[in-house]
N, C-alpha and C. Protein backbone atom coordinates (compact mmCIF):
# COMPACT_ATOMS: atom_id res chain seq x y z
N MET A 1 29.74 -46.76 39.23
CA MET A 1 29.76 -45.70 38.30
C MET A 1 30.47 -44.38 39.16
N ALA A 2 29.37 -43.83 40.38
CA ALA A 2 30.12 -42.94 41.18
C ALA A 2 31.35 -43.14 41.58
N LYS A 3 31.71 -44.17 42.11
CA LYS A 3 33.15 -44.44 42.80
C LYS A 3 34.04 -44.39 41.58
N LYS A 4 33.96 -45.04 40.40
CA LYS A 4 34.92 -44.22 39.35
C LYS A 4 35.00 -42.94 38.93
N LEU A 5 33.88 -42.50 38.97
CA LEU A 5 34.04 -41.11 38.83
C LEU A 5 34.76 -40.25 39.58
N MET A 6 34.75 -40.72 40.87
CA MET A 6 35.44 -39.81 42.66
C MET A 6 36.52 -40.61 42.29
N LEU A 7 37.12 -41.52 41.76
CA LEU A 7 38.58 -41.82 41.94
C LEU A 7 39.28 -41.59 40.79
N SER A 8 38.27 -40.93 39.57
CA SER A 8 39.30 -40.30 38.46
C SER A 8 39.85 -38.86 39.00
N ASN A 9 38.81 -38.35 39.93
CA ASN A 9 39.04 -37.02 40.33
C ASN A 9 40.14 -36.76 41.06
N THR A 10 40.81 -37.99 41.68
CA THR A 10 41.82 -37.73 42.31
C THR A 10 43.23 -37.42 41.65
N SER A 11 44.12 -36.65 41.90
CA SER A 11 45.49 -36.29 41.41
C SER A 11 46.17 -37.37 41.77
N GLU A 12 47.46 -37.39 40.60
CA GLU A 12 48.32 -38.34 40.71
C GLU A 12 49.16 -38.35 42.00
N SER A 13 49.19 -37.25 42.89
CA SER A 13 49.89 -37.03 43.98
C SER A 13 49.07 -37.73 45.12
N ASN A 14 47.94 -37.77 45.04
CA ASN A 14 47.12 -38.43 46.03
C ASN A 14 47.15 -39.92 45.72
N ASN A 15 48.08 -40.70 45.82
CA ASN A 15 48.32 -42.30 45.32
C ASN A 15 47.59 -42.96 46.62
N TRP A 16 46.50 -43.15 46.93
CA TRP A 16 46.20 -44.08 47.90
C TRP A 16 44.50 -44.22 47.79
N HIS A 17 44.05 -45.17 48.26
CA HIS A 17 42.81 -45.93 48.14
C HIS A 17 42.02 -45.78 49.30
N MET A 18 40.90 -44.66 49.03
CA MET A 18 39.80 -44.67 49.95
C MET A 18 38.74 -45.95 49.96
N SER A 19 38.77 -46.41 51.39
CA SER A 19 38.00 -47.96 51.59
C SER A 19 36.61 -47.22 51.62
N TRP A 20 35.79 -47.69 50.89
CA TRP A 20 34.17 -47.14 51.10
C TRP A 20 33.41 -48.15 51.83
N LYS A 21 34.23 -49.19 52.07
CA LYS A 21 33.28 -50.37 53.03
C LYS A 21 33.51 -49.80 54.62
N GLY A 22 32.79 -50.22 55.33
CA GLY A 22 33.14 -50.03 56.94
C GLY A 22 31.96 -49.58 57.66
N TRP A 23 32.37 -49.11 58.57
CA TRP A 23 30.93 -48.95 59.68
C TRP A 23 30.62 -47.54 60.14
N VAL A 24 31.52 -46.52 59.39
CA VAL A 24 31.37 -45.43 59.48
C VAL A 24 30.39 -44.88 58.47
N PRO A 25 29.28 -43.97 58.61
CA PRO A 25 28.13 -43.43 57.57
C PRO A 25 28.91 -42.59 56.57
N LEU A 26 28.18 -43.11 55.24
CA LEU A 26 28.80 -42.76 53.99
C LEU A 26 29.04 -41.46 54.03
N LYS A 27 27.95 -40.51 54.82
CA LYS A 27 28.10 -38.93 54.81
C LYS A 27 29.42 -38.63 55.17
N CYS A 28 30.08 -39.32 56.22
CA CYS A 28 31.35 -39.01 56.96
C CYS A 28 32.55 -39.59 56.03
N LYS A 29 32.47 -40.51 55.20
CA LYS A 29 33.53 -40.91 54.48
C LYS A 29 33.65 -40.18 53.25
N ILE A 30 32.46 -39.36 52.89
CA ILE A 30 32.37 -38.63 51.51
C ILE A 30 32.91 -37.23 52.20
N MET A 31 32.90 -36.68 53.25
CA MET A 31 33.68 -35.46 54.01
C MET A 31 34.86 -35.80 54.03
N ALA A 32 35.46 -36.99 54.18
CA ALA A 32 37.15 -37.57 54.86
C ALA A 32 37.54 -37.71 53.06
N TRP A 33 36.95 -38.22 51.88
CA TRP A 33 37.43 -38.08 50.49
C TRP A 33 37.41 -36.59 50.53
N ARG A 34 36.56 -35.69 50.70
CA ARG A 34 36.59 -34.34 49.91
C ARG A 34 37.54 -33.51 50.55
N ALA A 35 38.10 -33.80 51.84
CA ALA A 35 38.88 -33.07 52.58
C ALA A 35 40.45 -33.79 51.97
N THR A 36 40.69 -34.77 51.98
CA THR A 36 41.70 -35.56 51.00
C THR A 36 42.03 -34.77 49.87
N ILE A 37 41.10 -34.39 49.06
CA ILE A 37 41.25 -34.02 47.58
C ILE A 37 40.99 -32.09 47.85
N ASN A 38 40.89 -31.73 48.95
CA ASN A 38 40.83 -30.23 49.50
C ASN A 38 39.63 -29.72 48.61
N ARG A 39 38.28 -30.38 48.89
CA ARG A 39 37.31 -29.73 48.33
C ARG A 39 36.29 -29.29 49.14
N LEU A 40 36.71 -29.80 50.85
CA LEU A 40 35.86 -28.81 51.90
C LEU A 40 35.51 -27.30 51.57
N PRO A 41 34.29 -27.00 51.71
CA PRO A 41 34.21 -25.19 51.89
C PRO A 41 34.87 -24.63 53.03
N THR A 42 36.23 -24.71 53.30
CA THR A 42 36.93 -23.98 54.37
C THR A 42 37.11 -22.53 53.68
N LYS A 43 37.03 -21.73 54.78
CA LYS A 43 37.01 -20.12 54.39
C LYS A 43 37.78 -19.68 53.49
N THR A 44 39.00 -20.23 53.21
CA THR A 44 39.93 -19.82 52.34
C THR A 44 39.28 -20.46 50.98
N GLU A 45 38.88 -21.72 50.58
CA GLU A 45 38.10 -22.18 49.53
C GLU A 45 37.01 -21.25 49.31
N LEU A 46 36.09 -20.89 50.11
CA LEU A 46 34.92 -20.11 49.81
C LEU A 46 35.59 -18.71 49.48
N LEU A 47 36.43 -17.90 50.08
CA LEU A 47 36.79 -17.04 49.11
C LEU A 47 37.33 -16.92 47.63
N LYS A 48 38.06 -17.94 47.92
CA LYS A 48 38.73 -18.19 46.32
C LYS A 48 37.20 -18.34 45.14
N ARG A 49 36.27 -18.60 45.76
CA ARG A 49 35.09 -18.72 44.90
C ARG A 49 34.01 -17.77 44.76
N GLY A 50 34.69 -16.70 45.66
CA GLY A 50 33.86 -15.39 45.66
C GLY A 50 32.92 -15.19 46.50
N VAL A 51 32.93 -16.29 47.54
CA VAL A 51 31.68 -16.16 48.08
C VAL A 51 32.20 -15.20 49.57
N PRO A 52 31.94 -14.17 49.81
CA PRO A 52 32.23 -13.21 51.25
C PRO A 52 32.16 -14.05 52.51
N VAL A 53 33.47 -13.87 52.92
CA VAL A 53 33.44 -14.32 54.53
C VAL A 53 34.25 -13.45 54.97
N PRO A 54 33.55 -12.96 56.27
CA PRO A 54 34.30 -12.02 57.26
C PRO A 54 35.78 -12.15 57.64
N ASN A 55 36.20 -13.50 57.68
CA ASN A 55 37.61 -13.41 57.68
C ASN A 55 38.24 -14.61 57.37
N VAL A 56 39.28 -15.12 57.15
CA VAL A 56 39.66 -16.54 56.86
C VAL A 56 40.42 -17.14 57.76
N VAL A 57 40.37 -16.50 59.14
CA VAL A 57 41.21 -17.43 60.47
C VAL A 57 40.32 -18.45 61.13
N CYS A 58 41.12 -19.52 61.07
CA CYS A 58 40.81 -20.70 61.43
C CYS A 58 39.68 -20.73 63.04
N ALA A 59 38.53 -21.34 62.97
CA ALA A 59 37.39 -21.10 63.88
C ALA A 59 37.88 -21.74 65.08
N LEU A 60 38.71 -22.76 64.97
CA LEU A 60 39.39 -23.75 66.00
C LEU A 60 40.58 -22.83 66.92
N CYS A 61 41.57 -22.40 66.13
CA CYS A 61 42.73 -22.11 66.89
C CYS A 61 42.62 -20.75 66.77
N ASN A 62 42.09 -19.57 66.04
CA ASN A 62 41.86 -18.14 65.69
C ASN A 62 43.42 -17.93 65.51
N SER A 63 44.17 -18.75 65.02
CA SER A 63 45.51 -18.00 64.72
C SER A 63 46.15 -18.39 63.16
N ASP A 64 45.45 -18.77 62.01
CA ASP A 64 46.06 -19.02 60.87
C ASP A 64 44.93 -19.31 60.11
N GLU A 65 45.23 -19.04 58.90
CA GLU A 65 44.38 -19.16 57.93
C GLU A 65 43.53 -20.56 57.65
N GLU A 66 42.17 -20.94 57.40
CA GLU A 66 41.65 -21.92 57.77
C GLU A 66 41.49 -22.86 55.95
N THR A 67 42.49 -23.63 56.26
CA THR A 67 42.32 -24.44 54.86
C THR A 67 42.25 -25.68 55.27
N THR A 68 41.91 -26.38 54.40
CA THR A 68 41.76 -28.09 54.71
C THR A 68 43.09 -28.41 55.56
N LEU A 69 44.07 -28.30 54.77
CA LEU A 69 45.47 -28.71 55.70
C LEU A 69 45.78 -28.45 56.92
N HIS A 70 45.47 -27.25 56.98
CA HIS A 70 45.54 -26.36 58.79
C HIS A 70 44.71 -26.92 59.30
N LEU A 71 43.38 -27.31 58.98
CA LEU A 71 42.15 -27.72 59.70
C LEU A 71 42.68 -28.90 60.59
N TYR A 72 43.04 -29.94 59.53
CA TYR A 72 43.25 -31.53 59.94
C TYR A 72 44.71 -31.58 60.26
N THR A 73 45.88 -30.95 60.09
CA THR A 73 46.99 -31.29 60.29
C THR A 73 47.68 -30.33 60.68
N GLY A 74 47.66 -28.90 60.83
CA GLY A 74 48.37 -27.92 61.38
C GLY A 74 47.85 -26.99 62.51
N CYS A 75 46.59 -27.25 62.88
CA CYS A 75 45.82 -26.26 63.97
C CYS A 75 45.84 -27.08 65.28
N PHE A 76 46.44 -26.03 66.14
CA PHE A 76 46.76 -26.48 67.73
C PHE A 76 45.30 -27.16 68.11
N TYR A 77 44.25 -26.87 67.64
CA TYR A 77 43.26 -27.44 68.60
C TYR A 77 43.08 -28.90 67.80
N ALA A 78 43.11 -29.20 66.76
CA ALA A 78 43.27 -30.43 65.82
C ALA A 78 44.25 -30.69 66.58
N THR A 79 45.51 -30.71 66.86
CA THR A 79 46.60 -31.73 67.06
C THR A 79 46.38 -31.91 68.73
N GLU A 80 45.51 -31.34 69.63
CA GLU A 80 45.11 -31.95 70.82
C GLU A 80 44.46 -32.83 70.47
N ILE A 81 43.51 -32.79 69.75
CA ILE A 81 42.67 -33.95 69.39
C ILE A 81 43.11 -35.27 68.82
N TRP A 82 44.11 -34.93 67.76
CA TRP A 82 44.66 -36.04 67.14
C TRP A 82 45.56 -36.69 68.49
N SER A 83 46.11 -35.75 69.46
CA SER A 83 46.95 -36.52 70.40
C SER A 83 46.25 -37.38 71.61
N GLY A 84 44.79 -37.04 71.78
CA GLY A 84 44.10 -37.53 72.50
C GLY A 84 43.57 -38.95 71.86
N ILE A 85 43.39 -38.78 70.37
CA ILE A 85 43.21 -40.35 69.68
C ILE A 85 44.55 -41.10 69.65
N GLN A 86 45.73 -40.47 69.68
CA GLN A 86 46.86 -41.33 70.00
C GLN A 86 46.94 -41.93 70.97
N ASP A 87 46.61 -41.11 72.06
CA ASP A 87 46.83 -41.92 73.46
C ASP A 87 45.78 -42.76 73.92
N TRP A 88 44.59 -42.27 73.30
CA TRP A 88 43.40 -43.74 73.38
C TRP A 88 43.72 -44.84 72.86
N CYS A 89 44.07 -44.63 71.24
CA CYS A 89 44.48 -46.11 70.42
C CYS A 89 45.87 -46.35 70.76
N ARG A 90 46.76 -45.77 71.75
CA ARG A 90 47.96 -46.25 71.82
C ARG A 90 49.09 -46.33 70.54
N LEU A 91 48.87 -45.33 69.82
CA LEU A 91 49.79 -45.02 68.68
C LEU A 91 50.69 -44.28 68.76
N ALA A 92 51.83 -44.39 67.77
CA ALA A 92 52.97 -43.58 67.81
C ALA A 92 52.66 -42.10 67.70
N PRO A 93 53.23 -41.29 68.00
CA PRO A 93 52.74 -39.91 67.69
C PRO A 93 52.20 -39.81 65.83
N ILE A 94 51.10 -39.19 65.72
CA ILE A 94 50.61 -39.18 64.61
C ILE A 94 51.00 -37.68 63.96
N PHE A 95 51.92 -38.00 62.91
CA PHE A 95 52.46 -36.71 61.94
C PHE A 95 51.82 -36.76 60.69
N ALA A 96 51.47 -35.75 60.16
CA ALA A 96 50.59 -36.00 58.81
C ALA A 96 50.98 -34.47 57.94
N LEU A 97 51.56 -34.60 56.92
CA LEU A 97 52.18 -33.57 56.26
C LEU A 97 50.97 -33.01 55.03
N GLU A 98 49.65 -34.02 54.82
CA GLU A 98 48.75 -33.91 54.20
C GLU A 98 47.72 -34.48 54.52
N VAL A 99 46.31 -33.99 54.37
CA VAL A 99 45.36 -34.72 54.86
C VAL A 99 45.26 -36.23 54.60
N SER A 100 45.50 -36.70 53.34
CA SER A 100 45.28 -38.02 52.82
C SER A 100 46.69 -38.88 53.58
N ASP A 101 47.42 -38.34 54.25
CA ASP A 101 48.32 -39.14 55.13
C ASP A 101 47.84 -39.75 56.59
N LEU A 102 46.59 -38.81 56.99
CA LEU A 102 45.64 -39.67 57.96
C LEU A 102 45.17 -40.39 57.70
N ILE A 103 44.76 -40.75 56.54
CA ILE A 103 43.94 -42.20 55.71
C ILE A 103 44.98 -43.40 55.74
N LYS A 104 45.99 -42.69 55.18
CA LYS A 104 47.39 -43.70 54.54
C LYS A 104 47.64 -44.43 55.80
N MET A 105 47.99 -43.44 56.96
CA MET A 105 48.68 -44.21 57.96
C MET A 105 48.13 -45.30 58.85
N VAL A 106 46.69 -45.54 58.52
CA VAL A 106 46.42 -46.89 58.96
C VAL A 106 46.77 -48.01 58.48
N ASP A 107 47.38 -48.10 57.13
CA ASP A 107 47.89 -49.08 56.48
C ASP A 107 49.32 -49.45 57.15
N LEU A 108 50.03 -48.33 57.58
CA LEU A 108 51.31 -48.43 58.17
C LEU A 108 51.51 -48.63 59.54
N ILE A 109 50.67 -48.51 60.29
CA ILE A 109 50.83 -48.59 61.71
C ILE A 109 50.11 -49.74 62.15
N THR A 110 49.32 -50.15 61.61
CA THR A 110 48.23 -51.64 62.14
C THR A 110 49.02 -52.76 61.67
N THR A 111 48.57 -53.84 62.25
CA THR A 111 49.37 -55.05 61.58
C THR A 111 48.28 -56.05 61.31
N THR A 112 46.82 -55.93 61.69
CA THR A 112 46.27 -56.93 61.59
C THR A 112 44.93 -56.25 60.52
N LYS A 113 44.12 -56.93 60.10
CA LYS A 113 43.03 -56.35 58.96
C LYS A 113 42.06 -55.83 60.01
N GLN A 114 41.86 -56.56 60.91
CA GLN A 114 40.63 -55.70 61.61
C GLN A 114 40.86 -55.01 62.78
N SER A 115 42.03 -54.39 62.91
CA SER A 115 42.89 -53.27 63.71
C SER A 115 42.71 -52.23 62.55
N ARG A 116 43.08 -52.57 61.23
CA ARG A 116 43.09 -51.46 60.36
C ARG A 116 41.59 -50.99 59.90
N TYR A 117 40.57 -51.74 60.11
CA TYR A 117 39.15 -51.49 60.15
C TYR A 117 38.81 -50.83 61.02
N ILE A 118 39.17 -51.05 62.20
CA ILE A 118 38.77 -50.06 63.37
C ILE A 118 39.50 -48.65 63.34
N LEU A 119 40.77 -48.87 63.10
CA LEU A 119 41.46 -47.53 63.35
C LEU A 119 40.71 -46.59 62.08
N ARG A 120 40.89 -47.08 61.08
CA ARG A 120 40.21 -46.21 59.60
C ARG A 120 38.77 -45.49 60.03
N GLY A 121 38.12 -46.39 60.95
CA GLY A 121 36.59 -45.75 61.32
C GLY A 121 36.98 -44.97 62.08
N ILE A 122 37.99 -44.59 63.35
CA ILE A 122 38.04 -43.60 64.31
C ILE A 122 38.66 -42.54 63.58
N ILE A 123 39.90 -43.02 62.90
CA ILE A 123 40.24 -41.57 62.12
C ILE A 123 39.23 -41.04 61.17
N ILE A 124 38.45 -41.50 60.35
CA ILE A 124 37.29 -40.71 59.75
C ILE A 124 36.40 -40.16 60.84
N THR A 125 36.12 -40.98 61.84
CA THR A 125 35.22 -40.21 62.98
C THR A 125 35.74 -39.00 63.47
N THR A 126 37.01 -38.93 63.52
CA THR A 126 37.82 -38.02 64.20
C THR A 126 37.98 -36.64 63.28
N MET A 127 37.72 -36.89 61.65
CA MET A 127 37.65 -36.02 60.97
C MET A 127 36.28 -35.32 60.97
N TRP A 128 35.54 -36.02 60.96
CA TRP A 128 34.06 -35.50 61.05
C TRP A 128 33.66 -35.02 62.42
N GLU A 129 34.38 -35.47 63.14
CA GLU A 129 33.84 -34.23 64.54
C GLU A 129 35.34 -33.28 64.41
N LEU A 130 36.06 -33.12 64.03
CA LEU A 130 36.75 -31.84 63.76
C LEU A 130 35.68 -30.86 62.78
N TRP A 131 35.43 -31.51 61.71
CA TRP A 131 34.52 -30.83 61.07
C TRP A 131 33.25 -30.01 61.89
N ASN A 132 32.49 -31.13 62.15
CA ASN A 132 31.58 -30.56 63.26
C ASN A 132 31.94 -29.65 64.19
N GLU A 133 32.96 -29.71 64.65
CA GLU A 133 33.16 -28.51 65.87
C GLU A 133 33.40 -27.26 65.33
N ARG A 134 34.37 -27.59 64.09
CA ARG A 134 34.13 -26.16 63.24
C ARG A 134 33.08 -25.39 62.80
N ASN A 135 32.45 -26.31 62.32
CA ASN A 135 30.79 -25.66 62.12
C ASN A 135 29.92 -25.22 63.22
N ASN A 136 30.11 -25.66 64.24
CA ASN A 136 29.34 -25.48 65.48
C ASN A 136 29.98 -24.08 66.25
N ARG A 137 31.26 -23.91 65.71
CA ARG A 137 31.68 -22.67 66.62
C ARG A 137 31.51 -21.14 65.56
N ILE A 138 31.39 -21.82 64.15
CA ILE A 138 31.06 -20.53 62.91
C ILE A 138 29.43 -20.48 62.99
N PHE A 139 28.64 -21.23 62.96
CA PHE A 139 27.19 -21.37 62.70
C PHE A 139 26.33 -20.96 64.38
N LYS A 140 26.77 -21.93 65.15
CA LYS A 140 26.13 -21.64 66.23
C LYS A 140 26.64 -21.05 67.44
N GLY A 141 27.92 -20.80 67.42
CA GLY A 141 28.53 -19.97 68.48
C GLY A 141 29.15 -20.94 69.65
N LYS A 142 28.92 -22.03 69.35
CA LYS A 142 28.84 -23.13 70.80
C LYS A 142 30.77 -23.60 70.43
N SER A 143 31.54 -24.18 71.60
CA SER A 143 32.70 -24.55 71.32
C SER A 143 32.99 -25.51 72.69
N ARG A 144 33.41 -26.72 72.02
CA ARG A 144 33.70 -27.73 73.39
C ARG A 144 35.35 -27.51 73.47
N ARG A 145 36.04 -27.89 74.74
CA ARG A 145 37.12 -28.38 74.72
C ARG A 145 37.32 -29.60 74.23
N ALA A 146 38.96 -29.56 73.58
CA ALA A 146 39.46 -30.88 72.95
C ALA A 146 39.35 -32.18 73.68
N LEU A 147 39.29 -32.18 74.81
CA LEU A 147 39.08 -33.19 75.53
C LEU A 147 37.40 -33.79 75.48
N GLU A 148 36.71 -32.54 75.19
CA GLU A 148 35.07 -33.03 75.50
C GLU A 148 35.01 -33.64 73.69
N VAL A 149 35.62 -33.02 72.84
CA VAL A 149 35.28 -33.66 71.22
C VAL A 149 35.98 -34.88 71.42
N VAL A 150 37.35 -35.42 71.96
CA VAL A 150 37.67 -36.57 71.78
C VAL A 150 36.92 -37.65 72.75
N GLU A 151 36.05 -37.26 73.71
CA GLU A 151 35.13 -38.19 74.47
C GLU A 151 33.92 -38.35 73.59
N ASN A 152 33.37 -37.04 72.96
CA ASN A 152 32.32 -37.56 71.66
C ASN A 152 32.89 -38.28 70.66
N ILE A 153 33.90 -38.32 70.28
CA ILE A 153 34.50 -39.49 69.21
C ILE A 153 34.68 -40.55 69.28
N LYS A 154 34.86 -40.91 71.14
CA LYS A 154 35.01 -42.31 71.65
C LYS A 154 33.24 -42.91 71.39
N THR A 155 32.35 -42.10 71.96
CA THR A 155 31.23 -42.53 72.06
C THR A 155 30.44 -42.61 70.57
N THR A 156 30.61 -41.50 69.74
CA THR A 156 30.07 -41.65 68.31
C THR A 156 30.63 -42.97 67.79
N SER A 157 31.98 -43.37 67.52
CA SER A 157 32.39 -44.20 67.06
C SER A 157 32.34 -45.65 67.75
N TYR A 158 31.71 -45.65 68.98
CA TYR A 158 31.33 -46.59 69.84
C TYR A 158 30.42 -47.33 69.01
N PHE A 159 28.95 -46.46 69.01
CA PHE A 159 27.78 -46.76 68.82
C PHE A 159 27.81 -46.86 67.19
N TRP A 160 28.56 -46.11 66.45
CA TRP A 160 28.71 -46.84 64.90
C TRP A 160 29.05 -47.90 64.79
N ILE A 161 29.97 -48.52 65.55
CA ILE A 161 30.68 -49.62 65.21
C ILE A 161 30.01 -50.86 65.84
N ARG A 162 29.40 -50.52 66.97
CA ARG A 162 28.17 -51.58 67.63
C ARG A 162 27.26 -51.83 66.72
N ASN A 163 26.60 -50.59 66.04
CA ASN A 163 25.32 -50.79 65.47
C ASN A 163 25.50 -51.07 63.86
N ARG A 164 26.51 -50.92 63.20
CA ARG A 164 26.65 -50.71 61.86
C ARG A 164 27.82 -51.56 61.47
N SER A 165 28.21 -52.42 62.17
CA SER A 165 29.17 -53.89 61.79
C SER A 165 28.92 -54.71 62.45
N ARG A 166 29.55 -55.95 61.90
CA ARG A 166 28.97 -57.13 62.53
C ARG A 166 29.69 -57.57 63.90
N PHE A 167 30.28 -56.46 64.86
CA PHE A 167 30.51 -56.23 66.18
C PHE A 167 30.02 -55.73 66.91
N LYS A 168 28.65 -56.83 67.46
CA LYS A 168 27.63 -56.18 68.12
C LYS A 168 27.98 -56.53 69.85
N ASP A 169 28.99 -57.33 69.82
CA ASP A 169 29.03 -57.71 71.39
C ASP A 169 30.29 -56.83 72.11
N ILE A 170 30.71 -55.68 71.38
CA ILE A 170 32.03 -54.77 71.95
C ILE A 170 31.43 -54.07 73.34
N ASP A 171 32.17 -54.35 74.11
CA ASP A 171 32.14 -53.83 75.55
C ASP A 171 32.54 -52.31 75.53
N TRP A 172 31.99 -51.45 76.34
CA TRP A 172 31.80 -50.11 76.56
C TRP A 172 33.36 -49.99 77.09
N ASN A 173 33.51 -50.68 78.34
CA ASN A 173 35.09 -50.41 78.84
C ASN A 173 36.08 -50.72 78.15
N VAL A 174 35.62 -51.55 77.76
CA VAL A 174 37.18 -52.34 76.57
C VAL A 174 37.29 -51.15 75.42
N TRP A 175 35.97 -50.50 74.61
CA TRP A 175 36.33 -49.63 73.91
C TRP A 175 36.96 -48.51 74.19
N CYS A 176 36.90 -48.08 75.54
CA CYS A 176 37.27 -46.56 76.11
C CYS A 176 38.80 -47.02 76.26
N ASN A 177 39.18 -48.35 76.90
CA ASN A 177 40.16 -48.23 77.11
C ASN A 177 41.48 -48.71 76.14
N PHE A 178 40.77 -49.52 75.13
CA PHE A 178 41.90 -49.89 73.97
C PHE A 178 41.23 -50.29 72.66
N PRO A 179 40.57 -49.63 71.94
CA PRO A 179 39.78 -50.32 71.07
C PRO A 179 40.24 -51.02 70.01
N LEU A 180 41.44 -50.97 69.74
CA LEU A 180 42.45 -51.91 68.65
C LEU A 180 42.81 -53.24 69.28
N ASN A 181 41.89 -53.48 70.68
CA ASN A 181 42.22 -54.51 71.20
C ASN A 181 40.82 -55.40 71.46
N LEU A 182 40.36 -55.27 70.50
CA LEU A 182 38.82 -55.73 70.41
C LEU A 182 38.56 -57.28 70.06
N MET A 183 39.58 -57.87 69.26
CA MET A 183 39.79 -58.74 68.44
C MET A 183 40.70 -60.07 69.15
């Protein structure tokens, strides 16, 4: 019932399917889904809802208004992280005009079901880590370099896939070198 309700709330322009199965925790998938339908509490969205915020500048790059679209596709800091993921997974350059493009691209650039399964999880983990980095900067005053966030994505996704999927024998070195070549 909840999935049907979630699917009915997506607009016609977001003609994509969110895969709820997988090794990434449900809270991360829900956050990614909320991002694709522009329902994350970014500074701009909070201001629209009457929540007083000191400024609407992106906490990651300090150069533009913080919207969901900016946070995941337009922010210079996020671009550095996506570039790191692109290099790690040996992907063509990642260009997304909408947040949903990040999820949709998995089906366009992978050839096997298993590589889609792995890449979808890495994309959602990256979105989760970007959101956490944003929150840590705002609420804790802590910040990390983009390279540190990419390394954290590798570590987090490794432990999640190893402990939350049927792939229990994944080698750390293989994962760090090229995760899409596991199968």
